[in-house]
C-alpha atoms as a PDB file:
ATOM      1  CA  MET A   1      -7.682  -2.476 -22.300  1.00  0.00           C
ATOM      2  CA  GLN A   2      -7.276  -0.809 -18.925  1.00  0.00           C
ATOM      3  CA  THR A   3      -4.598  -2.023 -16.533  1.00  0.00           C
ATOM      4  CA  PHE A   4      -5.762  -2.291 -12.925  1.00  0.00           C
ATOM      5  CA  LEU A   5      -3.156  -2.201 -10.157  1.00  0.00           C
ATOM      6  CA  LYS A   6      -4.459  -3.238  -6.744  1.00  0.00           C
ATOM      7  CA  GLN A   7      -2.370  -1.643  -4.005  1.00  0.00           C
ATOM      8  CA  TYR A   8      -1.433  -3.257  -0.700  1.00  0.00           C
ATOM      9  CA  GLY A   9       0.726  -2.021   2.153  1.00  0.00           C
ATOM     10  CA  ALA A  10       0.658  -1.224   5.852  1.00  0.00           C
ATOM     11  CA  ARG A  11      -0.339   2.275   6.869  1.00  0.00           C
ATOM     12  CA  ARG A  12       2.445   4.813   6.324  1.00  0.00           C
ATOM     13  CA  THR A  13       4.420   2.744   3.806  1.00  0.00           C
ATOM     14  CA  GLY A  14       4.069   5.158   0.881  1.00  0.00           C
ATOM     15  CA  THR A  15       0.878   3.854  -0.763  1.00  0.00           C
ATOM     16  CA  ASN A  16      -0.521   7.370  -1.176  1.00  0.00           C
ATOM     17  CA  TYR A  17       2.717   8.652  -2.701  1.00  0.00           C
ATOM     18  CA  LEU A  18       2.817   5.701  -5.095  1.00  0.00           C
ATOM     19  CA  ARG A  19      -0.789   6.314  -6.137  1.00  0.00           C
ATOM     20  CA  TRP A  20       0.016   9.998  -6.722  1.00  0.00           C
ATOM     21  CA  LEU A  21       2.917   9.040  -8.990  1.00  0.00           C
ATOM     22  CA  ILE A  22       0.767   6.616 -10.950  1.00  0.00           C
ATOM     23  CA  GLN A  23      -1.995   9.137 -11.490  1.00  0.00           C
ATOM     24  CA  ALA A  24       0.496  11.860 -12.447  1.00  0.00           C
ATOM     25  CA  ASN A  25       2.503   9.742 -14.897  1.00  0.00           C
ATOM     26  CA  TYR A  26      -0.044   7.495 -16.640  1.00  0.00           C
ATOM     27  CA  HIS A  27      -3.252   8.221 -18.505  1.00  0.00           C
ATOM     28  CA  ALA A  28      -6.261   7.675 -16.243  1.00  0.00           C
ATOM     29  CA  ASP A  29      -8.126   5.709 -18.917  1.00  0.00           C
ATOM     30  CA  GLU A  30      -5.192   3.300 -19.260  1.00  0.00           C
ATOM     31  CA  VAL A  31      -3.878   2.680 -15.717  1.00  0.00           C
ATOM     32  CA  VAL A  32      -6.166   2.534 -12.675  1.00  0.00           C
ATOM     33  CA  PRO A  33      -4.702   2.164  -9.150  1.00  0.00           C
ATOM     34  CA  LEU A  34      -7.102   0.621  -6.620  1.00  0.00           C
ATOM     35  CA  MET A  35      -6.920   1.345  -2.903  1.00  0.00           C
ATOM     36  CA  HIS A  36     -10.425   0.502  -1.642  1.00  0.00           C
ATOM     37  CA  VAL A  37     -12.097  -1.293  -4.538  1.00  0.00           C
ATOM     38  CA  LEU A  38     -11.469  -5.062  -4.173  1.00  0.00           C
ATOM     39  CA  GLY A  39     -10.871  -4.556  -0.452  1.00  0.00           C
ATOM     40  CA  ASP A  40      -8.850  -2.443   1.921  1.00  0.00           C
ATOM     41  CA  LYS A  41      -5.271  -1.811   0.841  1.00  0.00           C
ATOM     42  CA  HIS A  42      -4.221  -2.286   4.495  1.00  0.00           C
ATOM     43  CA  SER A  43      -5.810  -5.762   4.839  1.00  0.00           C
ATOM     44  CA  PRO A  44      -4.896  -9.216   3.524  1.00  0.00           C
ATOM     45  CA  PRO A  45      -6.456  -9.987   0.148  1.00  0.00           C
ATOM     46  CA  PRO A  46      -9.993 -11.375   0.198  1.00  0.00           C
ATOM     47  CA  PRO A  47     -10.514 -14.909  -1.208  1.00  0.00           C
ATOM     48  CA  PHE A  48     -10.696 -13.771  -4.820  1.00  0.00           C
ATOM     49  CA  ALA A  49     -11.092 -17.223  -6.390  1.00  0.00           C
ATOM     50  CA  GLU A  50     -13.911 -18.173  -4.042  1.00  0.00           C
ATOM     51  CA  LEU A  51     -15.719 -14.878  -4.550  1.00  0.00           C
ATOM     52  CA  TRP A  52     -15.313 -15.152  -8.311  1.00  0.00           C
ATOM     53  CA  GLN A  53     -16.822 -18.635  -8.332  1.00  0.00           C
ATOM     54  CA  ARG A  54     -19.719 -17.558  -6.144  1.00  0.00           C
ATOM     55  CA  ALA A  55     -20.425 -14.501  -8.324  1.00  0.00           C
ATOM     56  CA  GLN A  56     -21.012 -16.578 -11.455  1.00  0.00           C
ATOM     57  CA  THR A  57     -24.544 -17.434 -10.342  1.00  0.00           C
ATOM     58  CA  ALA A  58     -25.508 -13.755  -9.998  1.00  0.00           C
ATOM     59  CA  SER A  59     -27.481 -11.864 -12.627  1.00  0.00           C
ATOM     60  CA  ASP A  60     -24.463  -9.553 -13.069  1.00  0.00           C
ATOM     61  CA  PRO A  61     -21.390 -11.684 -12.228  1.00  0.00           C
ATOM     62  CA  ALA A  62     -18.891  -8.846 -12.768  1.00  0.00           C
ATOM     63  CA  LEU A  63     -20.660  -6.472 -10.398  1.00  0.00           C
ATOM     64  CA  ALA A  64     -21.271  -9.226  -7.851  1.00  0.00           C
ATOM     65  CA  PHE A  65     -17.582 -10.147  -7.853  1.00  0.00           C
ATOM     66  CA  VAL A  66     -16.244  -6.606  -7.472  1.00  0.00           C
ATOM     67  CA  MET A  67     -18.884  -5.703  -4.906  1.00  0.00           C
ATOM     68  CA  SER A  68     -18.302  -8.812  -2.781  1.00  0.00           C
ATOM     69  CA  ALA A  69     -14.501  -8.454  -2.888  1.00  0.00           C
ATOM     70  CA  THR A  70     -14.783  -4.804  -1.860  1.00  0.00           C
ATOM     71  CA  GLN A  71     -17.070  -5.670   1.052  1.00  0.00           C
ATOM     72  CA  ALA A  72     -15.190  -8.817   2.144  1.00  0.00           C
ATOM     73  CA  ALA A  73     -12.288  -6.751   3.499  1.00  0.00           C
ATOM     74  CA  PRO A  74     -13.677  -3.204   3.631  1.00  0.00           C
ATOM     75  CA  ALA A  75     -11.558  -0.145   4.332  1.00  0.00           C
ATOM     76  CA  ASP A  76     -12.532   2.029   7.281  1.00  0.00           C
ATOM     77  CA  SER A  77     -13.884   4.589   4.814  1.00  0.00           C
ATOM     78  CA  THR A  78     -15.861   2.067   2.746  1.00  0.00           C
ATOM     79  CA  SER A  79     -19.648   2.413   2.746  1.00  0.00           C
ATOM     80  CA  LEU A  80     -21.148   1.296  -0.526  1.00  0.00           C
ATOM     81  CA  ALA A  81     -24.423   2.932   0.449  1.00  0.00           C
ATOM     82  CA  LYS A  82     -22.680   6.184  -0.462  1.00  0.00           C
ATOM     83  CA  PRO A  83     -23.551   7.009  -4.090  1.00  0.00           C
ATOM     84  CA  GLY A  84     -19.999   8.008  -5.015  1.00  0.00           C
ATOM     85  CA  GLN A  85     -18.543   4.689  -3.894  1.00  0.00           C
ATOM     86  CA  ARG A  86     -21.277   2.568  -5.417  1.00  0.00           C
ATOM     87  CA  ASN A  87     -21.024   4.468  -8.695  1.00  0.00           C
ATOM     88  CA  GLU A  88     -17.265   3.836  -8.777  1.00  0.00           C
ATOM     89  CA  VAL A  89     -17.745   0.102  -8.226  1.00  0.00           C
ATOM     90  CA  GLU A  90     -20.407  -0.037 -10.936  1.00  0.00           C
ATOM     91  CA  ARG A  91     -18.206   1.956 -13.342  1.00  0.00           C
ATOM     92  CA  LEU A  92     -15.218  -0.340 -12.863  1.00  0.00           C
ATOM     93  CA  ALA A  93     -17.002  -3.679 -12.465  1.00  0.00           C
ATOM     94  CA  ALA A  94     -17.046  -4.982 -16.051  1.00  0.00           C
ATOM     95  CA  PRO A  95     -13.457  -4.137 -17.099  1.00  0.00           C
ATOM     96  CA  LEU A  96     -12.067  -5.036 -13.664  1.00  0.00           C
ATOM     97  CA  ALA A  97     -13.773  -8.420 -13.617  1.00  0.00           C
ATOM     98  CA  ARG A  98     -12.508  -9.063 -17.142  1.00  0.00           C
ATOM     99  CA  ALA A  99      -8.967  -8.181 -16.054  1.00  0.00           C
ATOM    100  CA  TYR A 100      -9.214 -10.620 -13.139  1.00  0.00           C
ATOM    101  CA  ALA A 101     -10.603 -13.393 -15.363  1.00  0.00           C
ATOM    102  CA  GLU A 102      -7.796 -12.909 -17.880  1.00  0.00           C
ATOM    103  CA  GLY A 103      -5.062 -12.862 -15.224  1.00  0.00           C
ATOM    104  CA  ALA A 104      -4.316  -9.210 -15.947  1.00  0.00           C
ATOM    105  CA  LEU A 105      -5.039  -7.742 -12.516  1.00  0.00           C
ATOM    106  CA  GLY A 106      -1.744  -6.492 -11.078  1.00  0.00           C
ATOM    107  CA  PHE A 107      -0.711  -6.049  -7.457  1.00  0.00           C
ATOM    108  CA  LEU A 108       1.622  -3.416  -5.992  1.00  0.00           C
ATOM    109  CA  ILE A 109       2.867  -4.212  -2.480  1.00  0.00           C
ATOM    110  CA  SER A 110       4.454  -1.293  -0.619  1.00  0.00           C
ATOM    111  CA  ILE A 111       6.749  -1.779   2.371  1.00  0.00           C
ATOM    112  CA  LYS A 112       8.948   0.450   4.523  1.00  0.00           C
ATOM    113  CA  ASP A 113      11.813  -0.199   6.939  1.00  0.00           C
ATOM    114  CA  PRO A 114       9.978  -1.366  10.101  1.00  0.00           C
ATOM    115  CA  TYR A 115      11.740   1.223  12.274  1.00  0.00           C
ATOM    116  CA  ALA A 116      10.749   4.115  10.020  1.00  0.00           C
ATOM    117  CA  TRP A 117       7.267   2.649   9.719  1.00  0.00           C
ATOM    118  CA  ALA A 118       6.844   2.419  13.512  1.00  0.00           C
ATOM    119  CA  VAL A 119       7.610   6.123  13.916  1.00  0.00           C
ATOM    120  CA  SER A 120       5.223   7.026  11.090  1.00  0.00           C
ATOM    121  CA  VAL A 121       2.378   4.834  12.303  1.00  0.00           C
ATOM    122  CA  ALA A 122       2.645   6.223  15.845  1.00  0.00           C
ATOM    123  CA  ARG A 123       2.159   9.712  14.402  1.00  0.00           C
ATOM    124  CA  PHE A 124      -0.708   8.500  12.205  1.00  0.00           C
ATOM    125  CA  TRP A 125      -2.616   7.250  15.251  1.00  0.00           C
ATOM    126  CA  GLY A 126      -1.899  10.456  17.151  1.00  0.00           C
ATOM    127  CA  TRP A 127       0.319   8.793  19.763  1.00  0.00           C
ATOM    128  CA  THR A 128       3.175  11.194  19.072  1.00  0.00           C
ATOM    129  CA  ASN A 129       4.033  14.260  17.007  1.00  0.00           C
ATOM    130  CA  ARG A 130       6.811  14.915  14.495  1.00  0.00           C
ATOM    131  CA  THR A 131       9.535  15.389  17.113  1.00  0.00           C
ATOM    132  CA  ALA A 132       8.792  13.524  20.373  1.00  0.00           C
ATOM    133  CA  PRO A 133      10.600  10.240  21.038  1.00  0.00           C
ATOM    134  CA  LEU A 134       8.743   6.938  21.141  1.00  0.00           C
ATOM    135  CA  GLY A 135       9.381   5.532  24.586  1.00  0.00           C
ATOM    136  CA  GLU A 136       8.201   3.123  27.241  1.00  0.00           C
ATOM    137  CA  ARG A 137       4.558   4.200  27.319  1.00  0.00           C
ATOM    138  CA  LEU A 138       4.019   3.169  23.674  1.00  0.00           C
ATOM    139  CA  ARG A 139       5.614  -0.279  23.835  1.00  0.00           C
ATOM    140  CA  GLY A 140       2.287  -2.125  23.993  1.00  0.00           C
ATOM    141  CA  GLN A 141       0.697  -0.203  21.130  1.00  0.00           C
ATOM    142  CA  ILE A 142       3.726  -0.532  18.868  1.00  0.00           C
ATOM    143  CA  ALA A 143       4.079  -4.259  19.617  1.00  0.00           C
ATOM    144  CA  ALA A 144       0.437  -4.747  18.608  1.00  0.00           C
ATOM    145  CA  GLN A 145       0.999  -2.776  15.411  1.00  0.00           C
ATOM    146  CA  CYS A 146       4.023  -4.951  14.631  1.00  0.00           C
ATOM    147  CA  GLN A 147       1.945  -8.112  15.026  1.00  0.00           C
ATOM    148  CA  ALA A 148      -0.609  -6.753  12.556  1.00  0.00           C
ATOM    149  CA  PHE A 149       2.269  -5.783  10.231  1.00  0.00           C
ATOM    150  CA  ASN A 150       3.561  -9.374  10.345  1.00  0.00           C
ATOM    151  CA  GLY A 151       0.159 -10.865   9.549  1.00  0.00           C
ATOM    152  CA  CYS A 152      -0.533  -8.600   6.607  1.00  0.00           C
ATOM    153  CA  TYR A 153       2.888  -8.973   5.030  1.00  0.00           C
ATOM    154  CA  ALA A 154       2.766 -12.745   5.441  1.00  0.00           C
ATOM    155  CA  ALA A 155      -0.414 -12.692   3.321  1.00  0.00           C
ATOM    156  CA  TRP A 156       0.837 -10.151   0.778  1.00  0.00           C
ATOM    157  CA  LEU A 157       4.235 -11.796   0.315  1.00  0.00           C
ATOM    158  CA  ASP A 158       2.517 -15.165  -0.051  1.00  0.00           C
ATOM    159  CA  LEU A 159       0.489 -13.632  -2.875  1.00  0.00           C
ATOM    160  CA  ALA A 160       3.731 -12.416  -4.455  1.00  0.00           C
ATOM    161  CA  ARG A 161       5.236 -15.922  -4.219  1.00  0.00           C
ATOM    162  CA  ARG A 162       2.153 -17.548  -5.737  1.00  0.00           C
ATOM    163  CA  GLU A 163       1.707 -15.028  -8.550  1.00  0.00           C
ATOM    164  CA  PRO A 164       5.096 -13.392  -9.180  1.00  0.00           C
ATOM    165  CA  GLU A 165       4.165 -12.378 -12.716  1.00  0.00           C
ATOM    166  CA  ARG A 166       1.354 -10.176 -11.355  1.00  0.00           C
ATOM    167  CA  CYS A 167       3.020  -8.703  -8.253  1.00  0.00           C
ATOM    168  CA  LEU A 168       5.603  -5.994  -7.760  1.00  0.00           C
ATOM    169  CA  LEU A 169       7.158  -5.192  -4.383  1.00  0.00           C
ATOM    170  CA  VAL A 170       7.899  -1.498  -3.841  1.00  0.00           C
ATOM    171  CA  ARG A 171      10.384  -0.640  -1.100  1.00  0.00           C
ATOM    172  CA  HIS A 172       9.680   2.828   0.240  1.00  0.00           C
ATOM    173  CA  GLU A 173      13.392   3.586   0.451  1.00  0.00           C
ATOM    174  CA  GLU A 174      13.767   3.003  -3.295  1.00  0.00           C
ATOM    175  CA  LEU A 175      10.575   4.891  -4.101  1.00  0.00           C
ATOM    176  CA  VAL A 176      11.836   7.954  -2.208  1.00  0.00           C
ATOM    177  CA  ALA A 177      15.361   7.765  -3.606  1.00  0.00           C
ATOM    178  CA  GLU A 178      14.584   6.961  -7.242  1.00  0.00           C
ATOM    179  CA  PRO A 179      10.899   7.189  -8.164  1.00  0.00           C
ATOM    180  CA  GLU A 180      11.758   6.954 -11.852  1.00  0.00           C
ATOM    181  CA  ARG A 181      13.351   3.534 -11.356  1.00  0.00           C
ATOM    182  CA  VAL A 182      10.230   2.330  -9.560  1.00  0.00           C
ATOM    183  CA  LEU A 183       8.051   3.565 -12.422  1.00  0.00           C
ATOM    184  CA  ASP A 184      10.419   1.835 -14.854  1.00  0.00           C
ATOM    185  CA  ALA A 185       9.888  -1.403 -12.930  1.00  0.00           C
ATOM    186  CA  ILE A 186       6.112  -0.903 -13.071  1.00  0.00           C
ATOM    187  CA  ASP A 187       6.343  -0.294 -16.825  1.00  0.00           C
ATOM    188  CA  ALA A 188       8.356  -3.477 -17.341  1.00  0.00           C
ATOM    189  CA  LYS A 189       6.225  -5.668 -15.069  1.00  0.00           C
ATOM    190  CA  PHE A 190       2.848  -4.631 -16.469  1.00  0.00           C
ATOM    191  CA  ALA A 191       3.796  -3.557 -20.013  1.00  0.00           C
ATOM    192  CA  LEU A 192       2.802   0.070 -19.489  1.00  0.00           C
ATOM    193  CA  ARG A 193       3.717   3.306 -21.195  1.00  0.00           C
ATOM    194  CA  ARG A 194       3.898   6.594 -19.327  1.00  0.00           C
ATOM    195  CA  ARG A 195       2.502   9.938 -20.464  1.00  0.00           C
ATOM    196  CA  GLY A 196       5.872  11.543 -21.127  1.00  0.00           C
ATOM    197  CA  ASP A 197       9.611  11.025 -20.942  1.00  0.00           C
ATOM    198  CA  ALA A 198      10.153  13.104 -17.798  1.00  0.00           C
ATOM    199  CA  VAL A 199       8.780  11.825 -14.487  1.00  0.00           C
ATOM    200  CA  VAL A 200       6.290  14.105 -12.732  1.00  0.00           C
ATOM    201  CA  ASP A 201       7.292  13.882  -9.076  1.00  0.00           C
ATOM    202  CA  LEU A 202       5.739  15.159  -5.862  1.00  0.00           C
ATOM    203  CA  PRO A 203       7.549  17.865  -3.881  1.00  0.00           C
ATOM    204  CA  ASP A 204       5.076  17.645  -0.973  1.00  0.00           C
ATOM    205  CA  GLU A 205       3.812  14.808   1.173  1.00  0.00           C
ATOM    206  CA  ALA A 206       0.902  12.932  -0.393  1.00  0.00           C
ATOM    207  CA  ASP A 207      -2.331  13.195   1.541  1.00  0.00           C
ATOM    208  CA  GLN A 208      -4.666  10.386   2.506  1.00  0.00           C
ATOM    209  CA  VAL A 209      -7.238   9.461  -0.168  1.00  0.00           C
ATOM    210  CA  TRP A 210     -10.666   8.637   1.216  1.00  0.00           C
ATOM    211  CA  TRP A 211     -11.911   6.527  -1.690  1.00  0.00           C
ATOM    212  CA  ASP A 212     -10.950   5.502  -5.190  1.00  0.00           C
ATOM    213  CA  GLN A 213     -13.046   8.020  -7.093  1.00  0.00           C
ATOM    214  CA  HIS A 214     -11.022  10.868  -5.560  1.00  0.00           C
ATOM    215  CA  GLU A 215      -7.868  12.254  -7.145  1.00  0.00           C
ATOM    216  CA  ALA A 216      -4.576  12.072  -5.251  1.00  0.00           C
ATOM    217  CA  VAL A 217      -3.846  15.292  -3.388  1.00  0.00           C
ATOM    218  CA  ARG A 218      -0.892  17.033  -1.740  1.00  0.00           C
ATOM    219  CA  THR A 219      -0.664  18.137   1.888  1.00  0.00           C
ATOM    220  CA  GLY A 220       1.414  21.247   1.230  1.00  0.00           C
ATOM    221  CA  ILE A 221       4.042  19.918   3.671  1.00  0.00           C
ATOM    222  CA  ARG A 222       7.472  19.664   2.056  1.00  0.00           C
ATOM    223  CA  PHE A 223       8.587  16.061   1.585  1.00  0.00           C
ATOM    224  CA  ASP A 224      11.883  15.645   3.469  1.00  0.00           C
ATOM    225  CA  ARG A 225      13.579  12.788   1.626  1.00  0.00           C
ATOM    226  CA  GLN A 226      16.798  13.250   3.616  1.00  0.00           C
ATOM    227  CA  TYR A 227      14.895  12.075   6.693  1.00  0.00           C
ATOM    228  CA  TYR A 228      14.909   8.595   5.155  1.00  0.00           C
ATOM    229  CA  PHE A 229      18.335   8.751   3.517  1.00  0.00           C
ATOM    230  CA  GLU A 230      19.950   9.696   6.837  1.00  0.00           C
ATOM    231  CA  LYS A 231      17.712   7.340   8.867  1.00  0.00           C
ATOM    232  CA  ARG A 232      16.829  10.156  11.230  1.00  0.00           C
ATOM    233  CA  TYR A 233      13.787   8.175  12.373  1.00  0.00           C
ATOM    234  CA  LEU A 234      16.144   6.081  14.515  1.00  0.00           C
ATOM    235  CA  GLN A 235      16.771   9.172  16.651  1.00  0.00           C
ATOM    236  CA  ARG A 236      13.093   9.068  17.658  1.00  0.00           C
ATOM    237  CA  LEU A 237      13.322   5.541  19.085  1.00  0.00           C
ATOM    238  CA  THR A 238      14.427   5.031  22.684  1.00  0.00           C
ATOM    239  CA  PRO A 239      16.368   1.869  23.618  1.00  0.00           C
ATOM    240  CA  ALA A 240      13.136   0.408  24.988  1.00  0.00           C
ATOM    241  CA  MET A 241      11.342   1.009  21.689  1.00  0.00           C
ATOM    242  CA  LEU A 242      14.229  -0.350  19.614  1.00  0.00           C
ATOM    243  CA  GLU A 243      14.043  -3.498  21.731  1.00  0.00           C
ATOM    244  CA  THR A 244      10.266  -3.700  21.270  1.00  0.00           C
ATOM    245  CA  ILE A 245      10.436  -3.453  17.485  1.00  0.00           C
ATOM    246  CA  ALA A 246      13.370  -5.849  17.274  1.00  0.00           C
ATOM    247  CA  GLY A 247      11.423  -8.438  19.242  1.00  0.00           C
ATOM    248  CA  ALA A 248       8.021  -7.964  17.611  1.00  0.00           C
ATOM    249  CA  ILE A 249       8.796  -7.796  13.875  1.00  0.00           C
ATOM    250  CA  ASP A 250       9.120 -11.077  11.969  1.00  0.00           C
ATOM    251  CA  TRP A 251      12.565 -10.371  10.556  1.00  0.00           C
ATOM    252  CA  GLU A 252      12.738 -13.712   8.772  1.00  0.00           C
ATOM    253  CA  LEU A 253       9.705 -12.597   6.782  1.00  0.00           C
ATOM    254  CA  VAL A 254      11.146  -9.235   5.706  1.00  0.00           C
ATOM    255  CA  ALA A 255      14.847 -10.169   5.476  1.00  0.00           C
ATOM    256  CA  PRO A 256      14.576 -11.082   1.759  1.00  0.00           C
ATOM    257  CA  LEU A 257      13.550  -7.448   1.163  1.00  0.00           C
ATOM    258  CA  GLY A 258      16.701  -6.128   2.803  1.00  0.00           C
ATOM    259  CA  TYR A 259      15.424  -5.322   6.306  1.00  0.00           C
ATOM    260  CA  ALA A 260      17.190  -6.348   9.512  1.00  0.00           C
ATOM    261  CA  PRO A 261      17.035  -5.483  13.227  1.00  0.00           C
ATOM    262  CA  VAL A 262      19.202  -2.622  14.426  1.00  0.00           C
ATOM    263  CA  GLU A 263      22.058  -3.646  16.660  1.00  0.00           C
ATOM    264  CA  THR A 264      21.871  -1.938  20.033  1.00  0.00           C
ATOM    265  CA  ALA A 265      24.464  -1.525  22.764  1.00  0.00           C
ATOM    266  CA  PRO A 266      24.345  -4.242  25.441  1.00  0.00           C
END
C-alpha cells in the first residue's frame, strides 16, 4: 500500500527541500508527497470530513473526494482543466481515498524561524534581493504576511493536536542541520523504509515545483546551511523590521516549537 504524505507549510519554510529528500530517499511507488493534490500546501486544510461525506453520493466517490479537496483550497498553479493535473488526480484518486478512509493519510507540517522566514518571503515576492536590508518601507507587507502565517499555522497546528498519530512537525532548522534525523522521524512516524542506508542529500537549493506530477528539481545555487546556523538573516532586519515581526507574529502559537521574539536594545 502506498503511503501518502500531505505537505503543509508557509512559503519559504523548506517544503520543496523536504519533498526533494522524500523523492530521493524513498521509492516513488511506496511514498508519495503531495503539495497541490488535496489542496494548496500553503493554505489551511480543506474540510476533509465534509468533502468525504459529500463525495459518497457521486458515481466515483474516490475521484469526487480527491477532486473536491484539491479544488476547495487550490494552489495558485492549480488548474484541473490542464490534462497533466487532471491525469495526476485521476491516477492517485483510488489509493489516496482509500488511505484517507483507513486513517493512513499522513501530514508533514514545515515551519521556519519567523525572522528567517520573513527575509525569505520578502525575497520570494520580489520585495528585496539576497543582500538588501528589510526596512521601514516593507513594514506593512511583512506585517500582512505575518498575519497570514499566524492563521495558517493555527489551522495546521490544530490538525496536529487533533490527529497527532498522523502529523509530523518539521522545523527547518533541524531539517537543514540533520536531514537524516528528520527522515528517521518520518520513518518512525509512518512506518516507512528508505531506499538505502546512506541519505541522499541536496547540495543545491531546491526549486519550486509547479504541480505534483513533476519531479523535484535543483536550482544550481549552492545551499548555504551556515546562513541558518549563524542566524545571518538577522543582519538583514533593521530595528523597525525586528519590531514589526515581534509585534505581528503570534509567539504563543509557535513557542512550543522553540521560537521566540528577538530581544532588541531599548
